[in-house]
PDB file of N, CA and C in Angstrom:
ATOM      1  N   MET A   1     126.644 127.965  81.030  1.00  0.00           N
ATOM      2  CA  MET A   1     125.610 127.767  82.043  1.00  0.00           C
ATOM      3  C   MET A   1     125.483 126.267  82.370  1.00  0.00           C
ATOM      4  N   THR A   2     125.268 125.971  83.604  1.00  0.00           N
ATOM      5  CA  THR A   2     125.097 124.599  84.036  1.00  0.00           C
ATOM      6  C   THR A   2     123.661 124.165  83.752  1.00  0.00           C
ATOM      7  N   GLU A   3     123.575 122.959  83.174  1.00  0.00           N
ATOM      8  CA  GLU A   3     122.181 122.417  82.905  1.00  0.00           C
ATOM      9  C   GLU A   3     121.789 121.515  84.011  1.00  0.00           C
ATOM     10  N   ILE A   4     120.557 121.668  84.475  1.00  0.00           N
ATOM     11  CA  ILE A   4     119.989 120.825  85.539  1.00  0.00           C
ATOM     12  C   ILE A   4     118.805 120.040  84.997  1.00  0.00           C
ATOM     13  N   GLU A   5     118.808 118.816  85.174  1.00  0.00           N
ATOM     14  CA  GLU A   5     117.650 117.944  84.738  1.00  0.00           C
ATOM     15  C   GLU A   5     116.960 117.531  86.019  1.00  0.00           C
ATOM     16  N   ILE A   6     115.645 117.727  86.067  1.00  0.00           N
ATOM     17  CA  ILE A   6     114.837 117.241  87.224  1.00  0.00           C
ATOM     18  C   ILE A   6     113.884 116.203  86.728  1.00  0.00           C
ATOM     19  N   ARG A   7     113.928 114.987  87.397  1.00  0.00           N
ATOM     20  CA  ARG A   7     113.077 113.934  86.986  1.00  0.00           C
ATOM     21  C   ARG A   7     112.678 113.061  88.186  1.00  0.00           C
ATOM     22  N   PRO A   8     111.628 112.299  87.964  1.00  0.00           N
ATOM     23  CA  PRO A   8     111.235 111.371  89.074  1.00  0.00           C
ATOM     24  C   PRO A   8     112.285 110.272  89.272  1.00  0.00           C
ATOM     25  N   LEU A   9     112.345 109.760  90.507  1.00  0.00           N
ATOM     26  CA  LEU A   9     113.224 108.664  90.893  1.00  0.00           C
ATOM     27  C   LEU A   9     112.791 107.427  90.088  1.00  0.00           C
ATOM     28  N   GLU A  10     113.738 106.619  89.670  1.00  0.00           N
ATOM     29  CA  GLU A  10     113.470 105.368  88.975  1.00  0.00           C
ATOM     30  C   GLU A  10     114.120 104.238  89.707  1.00  0.00           C
ATOM     31  N   ALA A  11     113.675 103.061  89.395  1.00  0.00           N
ATOM     32  CA  ALA A  11     114.234 101.836  90.070  1.00  0.00           C
ATOM     33  C   ALA A  11     115.770 101.735  89.820  1.00  0.00           C
ATOM     34  N   ALA A  12     116.218 102.169  88.689  1.00  0.00           N
ATOM     35  CA  ALA A  12     117.653 102.078  88.370  1.00  0.00           C
ATOM     36  C   ALA A  12     118.542 103.036  89.242  1.00  0.00           C
ATOM     37  N   ASP A  13     117.873 103.967  89.965  1.00  0.00           N
ATOM     38  CA  ASP A  13     118.625 104.922  90.840  1.00  0.00           C
ATOM     39  C   ASP A  13     118.847 104.395  92.193  1.00  0.00           C
ATOM     40  N   GLU A  14     118.444 103.219  92.487  1.00  0.00           N
ATOM     41  CA  GLU A  14     118.545 102.752  93.880  1.00  0.00           C
ATOM     42  C   GLU A  14     119.939 102.693  94.417  1.00  0.00           C
ATOM     43  N   THR A  15     120.956 102.249  93.616  1.00  0.00           N
ATOM     44  CA  THR A  15     122.318 102.164  94.109  1.00  0.00           C
ATOM     45  C   THR A  15     122.855 103.520  94.554  1.00  0.00           C
ATOM     46  N   GLU A  16     122.636 104.547  93.738  1.00  0.00           N
ATOM     47  CA  GLU A  16     123.107 105.884  94.086  1.00  0.00           C
ATOM     48  C   GLU A  16     122.315 106.474  95.227  1.00  0.00           C
ATOM     49  N   TRP A  17     121.032 106.185  95.270  1.00  0.00           N
ATOM     50  CA  TRP A  17     120.186 106.679  96.434  1.00  0.00           C
ATOM     51  C   TRP A  17     120.716 106.086  97.691  1.00  0.00           C
ATOM     52  N   ARG A  18     120.988 104.785  97.680  1.00  0.00           N
ATOM     53  CA  ARG A  18     121.502 104.152  98.912  1.00  0.00           C
ATOM     54  C   ARG A  18     122.795 104.765  99.356  1.00  0.00           C
ATOM     55  N   ARG A  19     123.698 105.125  98.362  1.00  0.00           N
ATOM     56  CA  ARG A  19     125.016 105.670  98.708  1.00  0.00           C
ATOM     57  C   ARG A  19     124.755 107.002  99.395  1.00  0.00           C
ATOM     58  N   LEU A  20     123.890 107.812  98.871  1.00  0.00           N
ATOM     59  CA  LEU A  20     123.565 109.111  99.495  1.00  0.00           C
ATOM     60  C   LEU A  20     122.976 108.960 100.876  1.00  0.00           C
ATOM     61  N   TRP A  21     122.014 108.037 101.027  1.00  0.00           N
ATOM     62  CA  TRP A  21     121.404 107.853 102.311  1.00  0.00           C
ATOM     63  C   TRP A  21     122.354 107.333 103.366  1.00  0.00           C
ATOM     64  N   ARG A  22     123.243 106.390 102.883  1.00  0.00           N
ATOM     65  CA  ARG A  22     124.271 105.934 103.829  1.00  0.00           C
ATOM     66  C   ARG A  22     125.173 107.078 104.335  1.00  0.00           C
ATOM     67  N   GLY A  23     125.523 107.958 103.455  1.00  0.00           N
ATOM     68  CA  GLY A  23     126.316 109.146 103.875  1.00  0.00           C
ATOM     69  C   GLY A  23     125.576 110.021 104.892  1.00  0.00           C
ATOM     70  N   TYR A  24     124.315 110.233 104.629  1.00  0.00           N
ATOM     71  CA  TYR A  24     123.436 110.988 105.550  1.00  0.00           C
ATOM     72  C   TYR A  24     123.438 110.330 106.916  1.00  0.00           C
ATOM     73  N   LEU A  25     123.175 109.012 106.895  1.00  0.00           N
ATOM     74  CA  LEU A  25     123.118 108.299 108.195  1.00  0.00           C
ATOM     75  C   LEU A  25     124.464 108.281 108.921  1.00  0.00           C
ATOM     76  N   GLU A  26     125.572 108.120 108.155  1.00  0.00           N
ATOM     77  CA  GLU A  26     126.892 108.160 108.799  1.00  0.00           C
ATOM     78  C   GLU A  26     127.139 109.555 109.468  1.00  0.00           C
ATOM     79  N   PHE A  27     126.713 110.570 108.798  1.00  0.00           N
ATOM     80  CA  PHE A  27     126.986 111.912 109.346  1.00  0.00           C
ATOM     81  C   PHE A  27     126.282 112.039 110.673  1.00  0.00           C
ATOM     82  N   TYR A  28     125.056 111.501 110.775  1.00  0.00           N
ATOM     83  CA  TYR A  28     124.320 111.625 112.035  1.00  0.00           C
ATOM     84  C   TYR A  28     124.567 110.403 112.972  1.00  0.00           C
ATOM     85  N   GLU A  29     125.546 109.532 112.583  1.00  0.00           N
ATOM     86  CA  GLU A  29     125.896 108.401 113.408  1.00  0.00           C
ATOM     87  C   GLU A  29     124.673 107.528 113.666  1.00  0.00           C
ATOM     88  N   ALA A  30     123.949 107.303 112.613  1.00  0.00           N
ATOM     89  CA  ALA A  30     122.690 106.465 112.728  1.00  0.00           C
ATOM     90  C   ALA A  30     122.839 105.219 111.846  1.00  0.00           C
ATOM     91  N   GLU A  31     121.981 104.259 112.071  1.00  0.00           N
ATOM     92  CA  GLU A  31     121.909 103.054 111.312  1.00  0.00           C
ATOM     93  C   GLU A  31     120.469 102.649 111.063  1.00  0.00           C
ATOM     94  N   VAL A  32     120.183 102.022 109.982  1.00  0.00           N
ATOM     95  CA  VAL A  32     118.888 101.380 109.777  1.00  0.00           C
ATOM     96  C   VAL A  32     119.066 100.010 109.265  1.00  0.00           C
ATOM     97  N   LEU A  33     118.079  99.143 109.447  1.00  0.00           N
ATOM     98  CA  LEU A  33     118.103  97.819 108.904  1.00  0.00           C
ATOM     99  C   LEU A  33     117.940  97.777 107.407  1.00  0.00           C
ATOM    100  N   GLU A  34     118.420  96.715 106.784  1.00  0.00           N
ATOM    101  CA  GLU A  34     118.261  96.527 105.362  1.00  0.00           C
ATOM    102  C   GLU A  34     116.777  96.595 104.956  1.00  0.00           C
ATOM    103  N   ALA A  35     115.898  96.129 105.782  1.00  0.00           N
ATOM    104  CA  ALA A  35     114.450  96.223 105.457  1.00  0.00           C
ATOM    105  C   ALA A  35     113.962  97.579 105.343  1.00  0.00           C
ATOM    106  N   VAL A  36     114.561  98.487 106.067  1.00  0.00           N
ATOM    107  CA  VAL A  36     114.171  99.919 106.093  1.00  0.00           C
ATOM    108  C   VAL A  36     114.589 100.545 104.720  1.00  0.00           C
ATOM    109  N   TYR A  37     115.868 100.172 104.270  1.00  0.00           N
ATOM    110  CA  TYR A  37     116.313 100.652 102.953  1.00  0.00           C
ATOM    111  C   TYR A  37     115.308 100.231 101.910  1.00  0.00           C
ATOM    112  N   ARG A  38     114.960  98.955 101.856  1.00  0.00           N
ATOM    113  CA  ARG A  38     114.037  98.399 100.860  1.00  0.00           C
ATOM    114  C   ARG A  38     112.725  99.010 100.885  1.00  0.00           C
ATOM    115  N   SER A  39     112.093  99.124 102.049  1.00  0.00           N
ATOM    116  CA  SER A  39     110.751  99.586 102.189  1.00  0.00           C
ATOM    117  C   SER A  39     110.672 101.107 101.858  1.00  0.00           C
ATOM    118  N   THR A  40     111.679 101.864 102.256  1.00  0.00           N
ATOM    119  CA  THR A  40     111.764 103.336 101.974  1.00  0.00           C
ATOM    120  C   THR A  40     111.839 103.551 100.487  1.00  0.00           C
ATOM    121  N   PHE A  41     112.751 102.844  99.829  1.00  0.00           N
ATOM    122  CA  PHE A  41     112.912 103.059  98.405  1.00  0.00           C
ATOM    123  C   PHE A  41     111.615 102.614  97.637  1.00  0.00           C
ATOM    124  N   ASP A  42     111.050 101.490  98.034  1.00  0.00           N
ATOM    125  CA  ASP A  42     109.804 101.072  97.434  1.00  0.00           C
ATOM    126  C   ASP A  42     108.752 102.068  97.566  1.00  0.00           C
ATOM    127  N   ARG A  43     108.627 102.708  98.736  1.00  0.00           N
ATOM    128  CA  ARG A  43     107.623 103.723  98.917  1.00  0.00           C
ATOM    129  C   ARG A  43     107.914 105.025  98.108  1.00  0.00           C
ATOM    130  N   LEU A  44     109.199 105.318  97.872  1.00  0.00           N
ATOM    131  CA  LEU A  44     109.532 106.439  97.022  1.00  0.00           C
ATOM    132  C   LEU A  44     109.151 106.214  95.573  1.00  0.00           C
ATOM    133  N   LEU A  45     109.056 104.961  95.155  1.00  0.00           N
ATOM    134  CA  LEU A  45     108.609 104.615  93.846  1.00  0.00           C
ATOM    135  C   LEU A  45     107.144 104.365  93.780  1.00  0.00           C
ATOM    136  N   GLY A  46     106.486 104.227  94.924  1.00  0.00           N
ATOM    137  CA  GLY A  46     105.093 103.860  94.965  1.00  0.00           C
ATOM    138  C   GLY A  46     104.129 104.870  94.432  1.00  0.00           C
ATOM    139  N   GLN A  47     102.891 104.346  94.247  1.00  0.00           N
ATOM    140  CA  GLN A  47     101.810 105.186  93.664  1.00  0.00           C
ATOM    141  C   GLN A  47     100.700 105.450  94.682  1.00  0.00           C
ATOM    142  N   GLU A  48     100.883 105.067  95.896  1.00  0.00           N
ATOM    143  CA  GLU A  48      99.851 105.229  96.922  1.00  0.00           C
ATOM    144  C   GLU A  48      99.713 106.726  97.234  1.00  0.00           C
ATOM    145  N   PRO A  49      98.504 107.147  97.540  1.00  0.00           N
ATOM    146  CA  PRO A  49      98.329 108.641  97.726  1.00  0.00           C
ATOM    147  C   PRO A  49      99.214 109.261  98.839  1.00  0.00           C
ATOM    148  N   TYR A  50      99.538 108.522  99.834  1.00  0.00           N
ATOM    149  CA  TYR A  50     100.304 109.044 100.957  1.00  0.00           C
ATOM    150  C   TYR A  50     101.757 108.661 100.906  1.00  0.00           C
ATOM    151  N   ASP A  51     102.225 107.973  99.882  1.00  0.00           N
ATOM    152  CA  ASP A  51     103.627 107.642  99.732  1.00  0.00           C
ATOM    153  C   ASP A  51     104.394 108.939  99.406  1.00  0.00           C
ATOM    154  N   PRO A  52     105.609 109.025  99.926  1.00  0.00           N
ATOM    155  CA  PRO A  52     106.479 110.166  99.561  1.00  0.00           C
ATOM    156  C   PRO A  52     106.888 110.007  98.109  1.00  0.00           C
ATOM    157  N   ASN A  53     107.239 111.130  97.478  1.00  0.00           N
ATOM    158  CA  ASN A  53     107.717 111.077  96.107  1.00  0.00           C
ATOM    159  C   ASN A  53     109.197 111.392  96.116  1.00  0.00           C
ATOM    160  N   GLY A  54     109.856 110.795  95.178  1.00  0.00           N
ATOM    161  CA  GLY A  54     111.284 111.044  94.996  1.00  0.00           C
ATOM    162  C   GLY A  54     111.593 111.722  93.657  1.00  0.00           C
ATOM    163  N   LEU A  55     112.296 112.850  93.726  1.00  0.00           N
ATOM    164  CA  LEU A  55     112.738 113.592  92.563  1.00  0.00           C
ATOM    165  C   LEU A  55     114.259 113.710  92.573  1.00  0.00           C
ATOM    166  N   LEU A  56     114.870 113.691  91.472  1.00  0.00           N
ATOM    167  CA  LEU A  56     116.307 113.900  91.301  1.00  0.00           C
ATOM    168  C   LEU A  56     116.570 115.222  90.615  1.00  0.00           C
ATOM    169  N   ALA A  57     117.582 115.868  91.077  1.00  0.00           N
ATOM    170  CA  ALA A  57     118.162 117.079  90.338  1.00  0.00           C
ATOM    171  C   ALA A  57     119.500 116.641  89.893  1.00  0.00           C
ATOM    172  N   ILE A  58     119.689 116.480  88.578  1.00  0.00           N
ATOM    173  CA  ILE A  58     120.950 115.993  88.031  1.00  0.00           C
ATOM    174  C   ILE A  58     121.655 117.135  87.358  1.00  0.00           C
ATOM    175  N   VAL A  59     122.882 117.348  87.752  1.00  0.00           N
ATOM    176  CA  VAL A  59     123.715 118.400  87.225  1.00  0.00           C
ATOM    177  C   VAL A  59     124.814 117.721  86.317  1.00  0.00           C
ATOM    178  N   ASP A  60     124.840 118.131  85.088  1.00  0.00           N
ATOM    179  CA  ASP A  60     125.757 117.498  84.115  1.00  0.00           C
ATOM    180  C   ASP A  60     125.712 116.037  84.135  1.00  0.00           C
TER     181      ASP A  60
END
């Protein structure tokens, strides 16, 4: 049986998160500025009530 770990996003996950988001943007032929990468990831780690939350599902 495949084990799946679900955990909150951490600062150390930024490199992999960027890789995934770049792939998403390339698929839709879109681009964003570096400032958008930084501010979005910061918000995913933030504690403000209206900030989005980031969760990871890790397989093996």
